[in-house]
Amino acid sequence: MNFDLIVIGSGPGGYVAAIRASQLGLNTAIIERESLGGICLNWGCIPTKALLKSAQVFEYLNHAEDYGIKVGKSSADFGAVIKRSRGVADGMSKGVQFLMKKNKITVIMGAAKLAKGPKVVVTDAEGKATEYTAKHIIVATGGRAKELPNLPIDGKKIIEYRKAMSLESQPKRMVVVGAGAIGVEFGYFYHSLGTEVSIVEFLEQGLVPREDPDISKELGKLYSRKGMKVYAGWAVESVDTSGKEVKVHMKNRKDGATETILCDVVLSAAGVTPNTENIGLEDLGIATDRGYIKVDDYYQTTVPGVYAIGDVLPTQALAHVASAEGITCVEKIAGHHPEPIDYNNIPGCTYCSPEVASVGYTEQGAKDAGYEVLVGKFPFTASGKAKAAGHPEGFVKVIFDKKYGEWLGAHMIGYNVTELIAEVVVARKLETTGHEIIKSIHPHPTMSEALMEAAAAAYGEVIHL
């Protein structure tokens, strides 16, 4: 029952940390109370992408004539779509089981709680408690849907993302509260399959409010064109679930106007909150702030030998961030000298349609940081590959420091742009300048040309505009 390392939680932070630890020769155990792979593989990143792909295929069928192809009338089998998504998730979870076995990692199923020592007490499904000790313990318990005071989740008429991807039947009308990644992705999915969707966002910027305002404006315009109703700068005052129809009472934050939307179900997509309750943090005296665990640059908590990674930290709540934190943490534990993570070079991706991807400063953020900036934009209406693919919507926006040419940020909206953002991340890591991007030959015709053209636009050298 003694290990070099125990990892609590098997999401993309926990299982990646465990694998890297095993590679570095540490005798490692991982504890999971539900399913290997955590929320990301079972209820988040992976199954949602399966749902979104089904919606995209359905859209293609409905617009086949745009490509010169005639097909018969198509219909979506909601139950089959949900079943496919669950099947993809199950397959990925089994893949993590294989990786645990391959890397000789001990898997312990049950609910974990830290105890003085420090050590970990695990209670299994039968209620049996077993004590485990380790030189090092990593808390990677992740997060869950944030519940708003005036929007109590009941799992029937007010639901969160887990229920949204396993509903028994498709609702005719849905109100999505929150226009971040979760909100706009599910909004697109349900709308594409025929649900009447309204999206309500508290912040006035509108859809994806953490993105550059130009991206928010473009996505809002495209969503409205698709037929979704977008309410930017509205607060949900209360929700009445007493009748057959759900009544969502809203108030405009700017002028005080009120409105009520009728629907069948409300999806609460107001973000995530950390799973830090009832895991023994207080018993060990581990410091927290607003529910998040305090750590140093290498993820050690205020208690020696106990670390924390992923959504229990106030860093970006993204799978790839949790994985990177896990690797960095474990390499430090093993005596290596990893470089601390640069949180200003973390790519963010939203898989709605069109997709959204970004990294680094927004235009205003760069100015607020004291930079004099050069900004370049290239619309996909001028991209041969985008037009040939039938997806000319969106654009690429790049931001450079005028003095040294440092690539400060990039913001994209369009078809498959989540596959383009890594070029910017690598370029920024290597301290690539704007002129170096312009002189790096991009293949034609590709969507990636838009990056080169946007960089050229920033310097007044754009060719195809």
Protein backbone atom coordinates (compact mmCIF):
# COMPACT_ATOMS: atom_id res chain seq x y z
CA MET A 1 0.00 0.00 0.00
CA ASN A 2 3.06 2.27 -0.22
CA PHE A 3 3.89 4.18 -3.40
CA ASP A 4 6.30 6.81 -4.62
CA LEU A 5 3.36 8.77 -6.04
CA ILE A 6 -0.41 8.67 -5.67
CA VAL A 7 -2.55 10.67 -8.10
CA ILE A 8 -6.12 11.45 -7.04
CA GLY A 9 -8.27 11.74 -10.17
CA SER A 10 -7.79 10.18 -13.60
CA GLY A 11 -8.75 13.03 -15.94
CA PRO A 12 -6.33 14.42 -18.55
CA GLY A 13 -4.26 15.93 -15.75
CA GLY A 14 -4.20 12.90 -13.49
CA TYR A 15 -3.70 10.03 -15.93
CA VAL A 16 -1.04 11.94 -17.91
CA ALA A 17 0.83 12.74 -14.69
CA ALA A 18 0.67 9.08 -13.68
CA ILE A 19 2.04 7.89 -17.02
CA ARG A 20 4.91 10.40 -16.99
CA ALA A 21 5.72 9.41 -13.40
CA SER A 22 5.86 5.75 -14.40
CA GLN A 23 8.13 6.61 -17.32
CA LEU A 24 10.47 8.32 -14.85
CA GLY A 25 10.63 5.22 -12.65
CA LEU A 26 8.18 6.14 -9.89
CA ASN A 27 5.98 3.42 -8.39
CA THR A 28 2.63 5.06 -9.11
CA ALA A 29 -1.03 4.58 -8.19
CA ILE A 30 -4.05 6.46 -9.48
CA ILE A 31 -7.38 6.77 -7.67
CA GLU A 32 -10.70 7.26 -9.50
CA ARG A 33 -14.22 7.30 -8.06
CA GLU A 34 -16.12 7.00 -11.35
CA SER A 35 -14.58 6.25 -14.78
CA LEU A 36 -10.98 6.39 -15.96
CA GLY A 37 -10.40 9.42 -18.13
CA GLY A 38 -12.37 11.79 -15.92
CA ILE A 39 -14.85 14.36 -17.22
CA CYS A 40 -12.90 15.13 -20.41
CA LEU A 41 -12.97 11.63 -21.87
CA ASN A 42 -16.33 10.59 -20.44
CA TRP A 43 -18.48 13.71 -20.33
CA GLY A 44 -16.52 16.59 -21.82
CA CYS A 45 -13.98 17.08 -24.59
CA ILE A 46 -14.39 13.78 -26.43
CA PRO A 47 -18.13 12.93 -26.38
CA THR A 48 -19.08 16.55 -27.12
CA LYS A 49 -16.89 16.47 -30.23
CA ALA A 50 -18.69 13.30 -31.30
CA LEU A 51 -22.04 15.10 -30.90
CA LEU A 52 -20.77 18.12 -32.83
CA LYS A 53 -19.53 15.91 -35.67
CA SER A 54 -22.98 14.33 -35.99
CA ALA A 55 -24.49 17.83 -36.17
CA GLN A 56 -21.96 18.84 -38.80
CA VAL A 57 -22.72 15.77 -40.94
CA PHE A 58 -26.44 16.54 -40.68
CA GLU A 59 -25.75 20.11 -41.82
CA TYR A 60 -23.77 18.82 -44.79
CA LEU A 61 -26.65 16.57 -45.81
CA ASN A 62 -29.12 19.43 -45.57
CA HIS A 63 -26.87 21.62 -47.72
CA ALA A 64 -25.63 18.94 -50.15
CA GLU A 65 -27.11 20.82 -53.11
CA ASP A 66 -24.70 23.67 -52.37
CA TYR A 67 -21.98 21.23 -53.48
CA GLY A 68 -23.86 20.03 -56.55
CA ILE A 69 -25.10 16.83 -54.90
CA LYS A 70 -28.73 15.78 -54.60
CA VAL A 71 -29.78 13.57 -51.70
CA GLY A 72 -33.14 12.50 -50.33
CA LYS A 73 -34.72 14.12 -47.29
CA SER A 74 -32.59 13.45 -44.21
CA SER A 75 -33.60 13.26 -40.57
CA ALA A 76 -31.66 13.08 -37.34
CA ASP A 77 -32.09 10.11 -35.01
CA PHE A 78 -31.44 11.85 -31.70
CA GLY A 79 -31.13 8.62 -29.74
CA ALA A 80 -28.61 7.18 -32.22
CA VAL A 81 -26.56 10.39 -32.12
CA ILE A 82 -26.39 10.23 -28.31
CA LYS A 83 -25.55 6.51 -28.43
CA ARG A 84 -22.66 7.12 -30.85
CA SER A 85 -21.26 9.81 -28.55
CA ARG A 86 -21.41 7.51 -25.53
CA GLY A 87 -19.72 4.77 -27.53
CA VAL A 88 -16.84 7.06 -28.44
CA ALA A 89 -16.46 8.04 -24.78
CA ASP A 90 -16.49 4.42 -23.62
CA GLY A 91 -13.82 3.55 -26.15
CA MET A 92 -11.56 6.34 -24.95
CA SER A 93 -12.02 5.30 -21.31
CA LYS A 94 -10.98 1.76 -22.23
CA GLY A 95 -7.94 3.28 -23.91
CA VAL A 96 -6.90 4.87 -20.62
CA GLN A 97 -7.34 1.49 -18.89
CA PHE A 98 -4.92 0.02 -21.44
CA LEU A 99 -2.40 2.81 -20.82
CA MET A 100 -2.55 2.24 -17.06
CA LYS A 101 -1.83 -1.46 -17.54
CA LYS A 102 0.89 -0.81 -20.11
CA ASN A 103 2.68 1.60 -17.76
CA LYS A 104 2.27 -0.66 -14.71
CA ILE A 105 0.21 1.91 -12.81
CA THR A 106 -1.93 0.62 -9.93
CA VAL A 107 -5.57 1.64 -10.41
CA ILE A 108 -7.62 2.07 -7.22
CA MET A 109 -11.37 2.65 -7.58
CA GLY A 110 -13.12 4.63 -4.88
CA ALA A 111 -13.53 8.04 -3.26
CA ALA A 112 -10.26 9.48 -1.94
CA LYS A 113 -9.65 11.76 1.01
CA LEU A 114 -6.38 13.21 2.21
CA ALA A 115 -5.34 12.48 5.77
CA LYS A 116 -2.47 13.54 8.01
CA GLY A 117 0.81 11.94 7.14
CA PRO A 118 0.10 12.90 4.48
CA LYS A 119 -1.70 9.80 3.26
CA VAL A 120 -4.84 8.90 1.34
CA VAL A 121 -7.90 7.02 2.59
CA VAL A 122 -9.97 5.43 -0.19
CA THR A 123 -13.56 4.29 0.37
CA ASP A 124 -14.79 1.78 -2.22
CA ALA A 125 -18.33 1.15 -3.49
CA GLU A 126 -19.03 -1.23 -0.59
CA GLY A 127 -18.02 1.35 1.97
CA LYS A 128 -14.69 -0.28 2.85
CA ALA A 129 -11.94 2.20 3.69
CA THR A 130 -8.30 1.47 2.86
CA GLU A 131 -5.28 3.58 3.73
CA TYR A 132 -2.47 4.28 1.26
CA THR A 133 0.77 6.17 1.72
CA ALA A 134 3.15 7.81 -0.72
CA LYS A 135 6.12 10.16 -0.73
CA HIS A 136 4.20 12.42 -3.08
CA ILE A 137 0.46 12.98 -3.67
CA ILE A 138 -1.08 14.90 -6.55
CA VAL A 139 -4.63 16.23 -6.28
CA ALA A 140 -6.24 16.20 -9.74
CA THR A 141 -9.92 16.00 -8.84
CA GLY A 142 -11.04 18.37 -11.62
CA GLY A 143 -14.18 20.45 -11.71
CA ARG A 144 -17.92 20.29 -12.23
CA ALA A 145 -20.64 22.51 -13.67
CA LYS A 146 -21.03 25.76 -11.75
CA GLU A 147 -24.51 26.17 -10.28
CA LEU A 148 -25.94 29.68 -10.21
CA PRO A 149 -28.08 30.69 -7.18
CA ASN A 150 -31.06 31.65 -9.35
CA LEU A 151 -30.67 28.63 -11.63
CA PRO A 152 -30.81 25.49 -9.44
CA ILE A 153 -30.01 22.38 -11.50
CA ASP A 154 -32.70 19.71 -11.10
CA GLY A 155 -31.55 17.38 -13.89
CA LYS A 156 -34.92 17.56 -15.64
CA LYS A 157 -35.95 21.08 -16.62
CA ILE A 158 -32.70 22.79 -15.64
CA ILE A 159 -29.73 20.69 -16.69
CA GLU A 160 -25.93 20.87 -16.94
CA TYR A 161 -23.59 19.59 -19.66
CA ARG A 162 -23.58 15.95 -18.54
CA LYS A 163 -27.34 15.68 -18.84
CA ALA A 164 -27.26 17.68 -22.10
CA MET A 165 -25.31 14.90 -23.77
CA SER A 166 -27.51 12.09 -22.52
CA LEU A 167 -31.10 13.37 -22.78
CA GLU A 168 -33.67 10.70 -23.58
CA SER A 169 -35.42 12.89 -26.15
CA GLN A 170 -34.64 16.04 -28.09
CA PRO A 171 -36.25 19.20 -26.70
CA LYS A 172 -38.16 21.45 -29.08
CA ARG A 173 -36.98 24.62 -27.34
CA MET A 174 -33.86 25.21 -25.26
CA VAL A 175 -32.46 28.23 -23.44
CA VAL A 176 -28.70 28.14 -22.90
CA VAL A 177 -27.50 30.32 -20.03
CA GLY A 178 -23.85 31.20 -20.58
CA ALA A 179 -22.14 31.80 -23.93
CA GLY A 180 -18.69 30.41 -23.24
CA ALA A 181 -17.34 27.32 -24.99
CA ILE A 182 -19.85 24.92 -23.41
CA GLY A 183 -22.81 27.19 -24.19
CA VAL A 184 -22.01 27.91 -27.84
CA GLU A 185 -21.05 24.29 -28.58
CA PHE A 186 -24.27 22.84 -27.21
CA GLY A 187 -26.23 25.71 -28.74
CA TYR A 188 -24.87 24.79 -32.17
CA PHE A 189 -25.46 21.06 -31.64
CA TYR A 190 -29.10 21.32 -30.62
CA HIS A 191 -29.93 24.03 -33.15
CA SER A 192 -28.43 21.96 -35.99
CA LEU A 193 -30.67 19.03 -35.08
CA GLY A 194 -33.77 21.24 -35.08
CA THR A 195 -34.16 22.56 -31.54
CA GLU A 196 -35.14 26.23 -31.21
CA VAL A 197 -32.19 27.69 -29.29
CA SER A 198 -31.82 30.96 -27.36
CA ILE A 199 -28.46 31.84 -25.78
CA VAL A 200 -28.36 34.25 -22.83
CA GLU A 201 -25.05 35.84 -21.81
CA PHE A 202 -24.57 38.09 -18.77
CA LEU A 203 -21.66 40.03 -20.32
CA GLU A 204 -22.44 42.61 -22.98
CA GLN A 205 -19.70 41.39 -25.34
CA GLY A 206 -21.93 38.42 -26.17
CA LEU A 207 -20.87 35.00 -27.42
CA VAL A 208 -17.47 33.65 -26.26
CA PRO A 209 -16.94 36.79 -24.12
CA ARG A 210 -13.38 35.86 -23.16
CA GLU A 211 -12.28 36.05 -26.80
CA ASP A 212 -11.23 39.13 -28.75
CA PRO A 213 -14.33 41.33 -29.30
CA ASP A 214 -14.00 40.97 -33.09
CA ILE A 215 -14.44 37.20 -32.69
CA SER A 216 -17.49 37.61 -30.43
CA LYS A 217 -19.10 40.00 -32.89
CA GLU A 218 -18.52 37.68 -35.86
CA LEU A 219 -19.80 34.56 -34.08
CA GLY A 220 -22.88 36.43 -32.85
CA LYS A 221 -23.63 37.57 -36.40
CA LEU A 222 -23.23 34.05 -37.80
CA TYR A 223 -25.32 32.43 -35.04
CA SER A 224 -28.10 34.94 -35.58
CA ARG A 225 -27.95 34.24 -39.31
CA LYS A 226 -28.35 30.51 -38.56
CA GLY A 227 -31.53 31.31 -36.63
CA MET A 228 -30.41 31.24 -33.02
CA LYS A 229 -31.49 34.05 -30.71
CA VAL A 230 -28.61 35.70 -28.88
CA TYR A 231 -29.22 37.85 -25.78
CA ALA A 232 -26.02 39.71 -24.86
CA GLY A 233 -25.92 41.68 -21.62
CA TRP A 234 -28.98 40.00 -20.10
CA ALA A 235 -29.24 38.56 -16.59
CA VAL A 236 -31.47 35.59 -15.76
CA GLU A 237 -33.50 36.82 -12.80
CA SER A 238 -35.45 33.62 -12.13
CA VAL A 239 -36.71 30.43 -13.75
CA ASP A 240 -40.22 29.05 -13.21
CA THR A 241 -40.38 25.28 -13.67
CA SER A 242 -43.79 24.74 -12.05
CA GLY A 243 -45.76 24.39 -15.27
CA LYS A 244 -45.41 22.30 -18.41
CA GLU A 245 -43.36 25.06 -20.02
CA VAL A 246 -40.27 26.51 -18.40
CA LYS A 247 -40.36 30.29 -18.04
CA VAL A 248 -37.02 32.10 -18.06
CA HIS A 249 -37.37 35.64 -16.69
CA MET A 250 -34.58 37.97 -17.83
CA LYS A 251 -33.52 41.57 -17.35
CA ASN A 252 -31.37 43.70 -19.64
CA ARG A 253 -28.40 44.98 -17.66
CA LYS A 254 -28.16 48.19 -19.69
CA ASP A 255 -31.68 49.57 -19.88
CA GLY A 256 -33.55 47.43 -17.34
CA ALA A 257 -35.94 45.96 -19.93
CA THR A 258 -37.46 42.60 -19.02
CA GLU A 259 -38.38 39.61 -21.12
CA THR A 260 -39.61 36.06 -20.56
CA ILE A 261 -38.60 33.14 -22.79
CA LEU A 262 -40.65 29.94 -22.87
CA CYS A 263 -38.82 26.66 -23.42
CA ASP A 264 -38.78 22.95 -22.61
CA VAL A 265 -35.38 22.84 -20.93
CA VAL A 266 -32.69 25.25 -19.68
CA LEU A 267 -29.02 24.37 -20.02
CA SER A 268 -26.88 26.01 -17.35
CA ALA A 269 -23.50 26.62 -18.99
CA ALA A 270 -22.02 29.16 -16.60
CA GLY A 271 -18.61 27.50 -16.38
CA VAL A 272 -16.99 25.10 -13.93
CA THR A 273 -16.19 25.10 -10.24
CA PRO A 274 -13.36 23.09 -8.60
CA ASN A 275 -13.92 19.78 -6.85
CA THR A 276 -12.08 20.69 -3.67
CA GLU A 277 -14.73 20.04 -1.03
CA ASN A 278 -14.59 16.97 1.24
CA ILE A 279 -11.18 15.74 0.04
CA GLY A 280 -9.31 16.55 3.26
CA LEU A 281 -7.65 19.84 2.34
CA GLU A 282 -8.69 21.42 5.63
CA ASP A 283 -7.42 18.43 7.66
CA LEU A 284 -3.93 18.97 6.25
CA GLY A 285 -4.07 22.76 6.34
CA ILE A 286 -3.69 23.14 2.57
CA ALA A 287 -4.31 26.77 1.63
CA THR A 288 -7.08 27.66 -0.83
CA ASP A 289 -8.45 30.84 -2.34
CA ARG A 290 -12.13 31.02 -3.44
CA GLY A 291 -12.16 27.23 -3.56
CA TYR A 292 -9.00 26.91 -5.66
CA ILE A 293 -5.85 25.31 -4.25
CA LYS A 294 -2.79 27.54 -3.86
CA VAL A 295 0.41 26.18 -5.43
CA ASP A 296 3.88 27.34 -6.45
CA ASP A 297 5.34 27.34 -9.99
CA TYR A 298 5.76 23.56 -9.80
CA TYR A 299 2.34 22.83 -8.27
CA GLN A 300 3.36 22.07 -4.69
CA THR A 301 0.71 23.14 -2.19
CA THR A 302 1.43 24.75 1.16
CA VAL A 303 1.95 21.24 2.54
CA PRO A 304 5.22 19.54 1.46
CA GLY A 305 4.68 16.41 -0.61
CA VAL A 306 1.16 17.36 -1.71
CA TYR A 307 0.61 18.89 -5.14
CA ALA A 308 -2.37 20.03 -7.22
CA ILE A 309 -2.99 20.33 -10.96
CA GLY A 310 -5.84 20.97 -13.39
CA ASP A 311 -9.24 22.47 -12.69
CA VAL A 312 -8.64 22.69 -8.93
CA LEU A 313 -6.28 25.58 -9.78
CA PRO A 314 -7.30 29.05 -11.02
CA THR A 315 -5.45 28.43 -14.31
CA GLN A 316 -7.30 27.87 -17.60
CA ALA A 317 -9.81 25.01 -17.19
CA LEU A 318 -8.60 23.13 -20.27
CA ALA A 319 -7.57 19.51 -20.73
CA HIS A 320 -4.25 20.34 -22.35
CA VAL A 321 -3.40 22.73 -19.52
CA ALA A 322 -4.05 20.01 -16.93
CA SER A 323 -1.87 17.56 -18.88
CA ALA A 324 0.99 20.05 -19.16
CA GLU A 325 0.74 20.87 -15.45
CA GLY A 326 0.82 17.16 -14.61
CA ILE A 327 3.95 16.55 -16.67
CA THR A 328 5.72 19.62 -15.28
CA CYS A 329 4.81 18.66 -11.71
CA VAL A 330 6.00 15.07 -12.03
CA GLU A 331 9.25 15.99 -13.77
CA LYS A 332 10.05 18.36 -10.90
CA ILE A 333 9.23 15.62 -8.37
CA ALA A 334 11.59 13.27 -10.23
CA GLY A 335 14.46 15.74 -9.93
CA HIS A 336 14.34 17.19 -13.42
CA HIS A 337 14.40 20.92 -14.15
CA PRO A 338 11.29 21.63 -16.24
CA GLU A 339 10.53 25.15 -17.42
CA PRO A 340 7.49 26.70 -15.71
CA ILE A 341 4.42 26.90 -17.95
CA ASP A 342 3.82 30.17 -19.80
CA TYR A 343 0.10 30.70 -19.27
CA ASN A 344 0.03 33.47 -21.86
CA ASN A 345 0.86 30.93 -24.56
CA ILE A 346 -2.01 28.52 -23.95
CA PRO A 347 -4.24 27.90 -26.99
CA GLY A 348 -7.99 28.00 -26.48
CA CYS A 349 -10.34 26.19 -28.86
CA THR A 350 -14.11 26.25 -29.16
CA TYR A 351 -15.63 23.59 -31.43
CA CYS A 352 -18.84 25.28 -32.49
CA SER A 353 -19.46 25.96 -36.16
CA PRO A 354 -17.58 27.96 -37.27
CA GLU A 355 -14.78 27.05 -34.88
CA VAL A 356 -12.95 29.58 -32.70
CA ALA A 357 -9.28 29.42 -31.70
CA SER A 358 -6.97 31.89 -30.00
CA VAL A 359 -3.71 32.33 -28.11
CA GLY A 360 -1.96 35.21 -26.39
CA TYR A 361 -3.10 38.79 -26.04
CA THR A 362 -6.28 40.26 -27.47
CA GLU A 363 -5.76 43.55 -29.28
CA GLN A 364 -6.97 45.55 -26.28
CA GLY A 365 -5.05 43.34 -23.87
CA ALA A 366 -1.80 44.00 -25.74
CA LYS A 367 -2.43 47.75 -25.65
CA ASP A 368 -3.27 47.59 -21.94
CA ALA A 369 0.05 45.77 -21.40
CA GLY A 370 1.87 48.75 -22.91
CA TYR A 371 2.60 47.48 -26.40
CA GLU A 372 2.32 49.56 -29.57
CA VAL A 373 0.70 47.06 -31.88
CA LEU A 374 0.40 46.13 -35.52
CA VAL A 375 -2.83 44.29 -36.35
CA GLY A 376 -3.52 42.27 -39.47
CA LYS A 377 -6.75 40.55 -40.56
CA PHE A 378 -7.39 38.19 -43.42
CA PRO A 379 -10.95 37.05 -44.21
CA PHE A 380 -11.64 33.52 -45.39
CA THR A 381 -13.77 35.00 -48.20
CA ALA A 382 -10.37 35.64 -49.84
CA SER A 383 -9.11 32.08 -49.19
CA GLY A 384 -9.34 29.71 -52.16
CA LYS A 385 -9.33 26.64 -49.88
CA ALA A 386 -12.11 28.03 -47.65
CA LYS A 387 -14.31 28.93 -50.62
CA ALA A 388 -13.73 25.55 -52.27
CA ALA A 389 -14.69 23.86 -48.99
CA GLY A 390 -17.90 25.90 -48.88
CA HIS A 391 -16.83 27.71 -45.70
CA PRO A 392 -15.83 31.29 -46.53
CA GLU A 393 -17.08 32.65 -43.19
CA GLY A 394 -14.71 34.03 -40.58
CA PHE A 395 -11.19 35.44 -40.52
CA VAL A 396 -7.73 35.33 -38.94
CA LYS A 397 -6.56 38.25 -36.83
CA VAL A 398 -2.93 38.60 -35.71
CA ILE A 399 -1.29 41.08 -33.34
CA PHE A 400 2.41 42.00 -33.37
CA ASP A 401 4.58 44.32 -31.30
CA LYS A 402 5.49 47.22 -33.61
CA LYS A 403 8.97 47.73 -32.12
CA TYR A 404 10.39 44.19 -32.17
CA GLY A 405 7.92 42.18 -34.24
CA GLU A 406 7.02 39.88 -31.32
CA TRP A 407 3.90 37.83 -32.06
CA LEU A 408 1.61 38.93 -29.25
CA GLY A 409 -1.58 37.07 -30.14
CA ALA A 410 -3.77 35.45 -32.77
CA HIS A 411 -7.54 35.06 -32.97
CA MET A 412 -9.38 32.96 -35.52
CA ILE A 413 -12.93 32.07 -36.44
CA GLY A 414 -13.69 29.76 -39.31
CA TYR A 415 -13.73 26.23 -40.65
CA ASN A 416 -11.21 23.94 -38.89
CA VAL A 417 -9.26 26.82 -37.33
CA THR A 418 -8.62 24.74 -34.21
CA GLU A 419 -6.13 22.85 -36.38
CA LEU A 420 -4.29 26.09 -37.25
CA ILE A 421 -3.67 27.59 -33.82
CA ALA A 422 -0.73 25.30 -32.93
CA GLU A 423 1.41 27.06 -35.54
CA VAL A 424 1.03 30.27 -33.57
CA VAL A 425 1.78 28.56 -30.24
CA VAL A 426 5.02 27.05 -31.58
CA ALA A 427 6.03 30.29 -33.33
CA ARG A 428 5.50 32.30 -30.14
CA LYS A 429 7.44 29.72 -28.12
CA LEU A 430 10.34 30.09 -30.56
CA GLU A 431 10.07 33.92 -30.44
CA THR A 432 9.27 34.10 -34.14
CA THR A 433 8.70 37.59 -35.56
CA GLY A 434 6.06 38.80 -37.98
CA HIS A 435 8.51 39.09 -40.86
CA GLU A 436 9.69 35.51 -40.31
CA ILE A 437 6.09 34.31 -40.65
CA ILE A 438 5.62 36.32 -43.85
CA LYS A 439 8.78 34.80 -45.32
CA SER A 440 7.87 31.24 -44.25
CA ILE A 441 6.28 29.74 -47.37
CA HIS A 442 2.83 28.32 -46.64
CA PRO A 443 1.35 25.69 -48.99
CA HIS A 444 -1.37 26.66 -51.44
CA PRO A 445 -4.28 26.13 -51.30
CA THR A 446 -4.62 25.69 -47.55
CA MET A 447 -6.45 27.37 -44.70
CA SER A 448 -3.03 28.02 -43.10
CA GLU A 449 -2.22 30.59 -45.79
CA ALA A 450 -4.55 32.93 -43.93
CA LEU A 451 -1.96 33.17 -41.12
CA MET A 452 0.77 34.25 -43.52
CA GLU A 453 -1.58 36.68 -45.26
CA ALA A 454 -2.80 38.17 -41.97
CA ALA A 455 0.81 38.70 -40.88
CA ALA A 456 1.51 40.37 -44.21
CA ALA A 457 -1.57 42.56 -43.74
CA ALA A 458 -0.17 43.78 -40.40
CA TYR A 459 2.93 45.02 -42.22
CA GLY A 460 1.14 46.40 -45.30
CA GLU A 461 2.38 43.57 -47.53
CA VAL A 462 -0.74 41.47 -48.03
CA ILE A 463 -1.11 40.10 -51.57
CA HIS A 464 -4.62 38.66 -51.84
CA LEU A 465 -6.65 41.54 -50.44
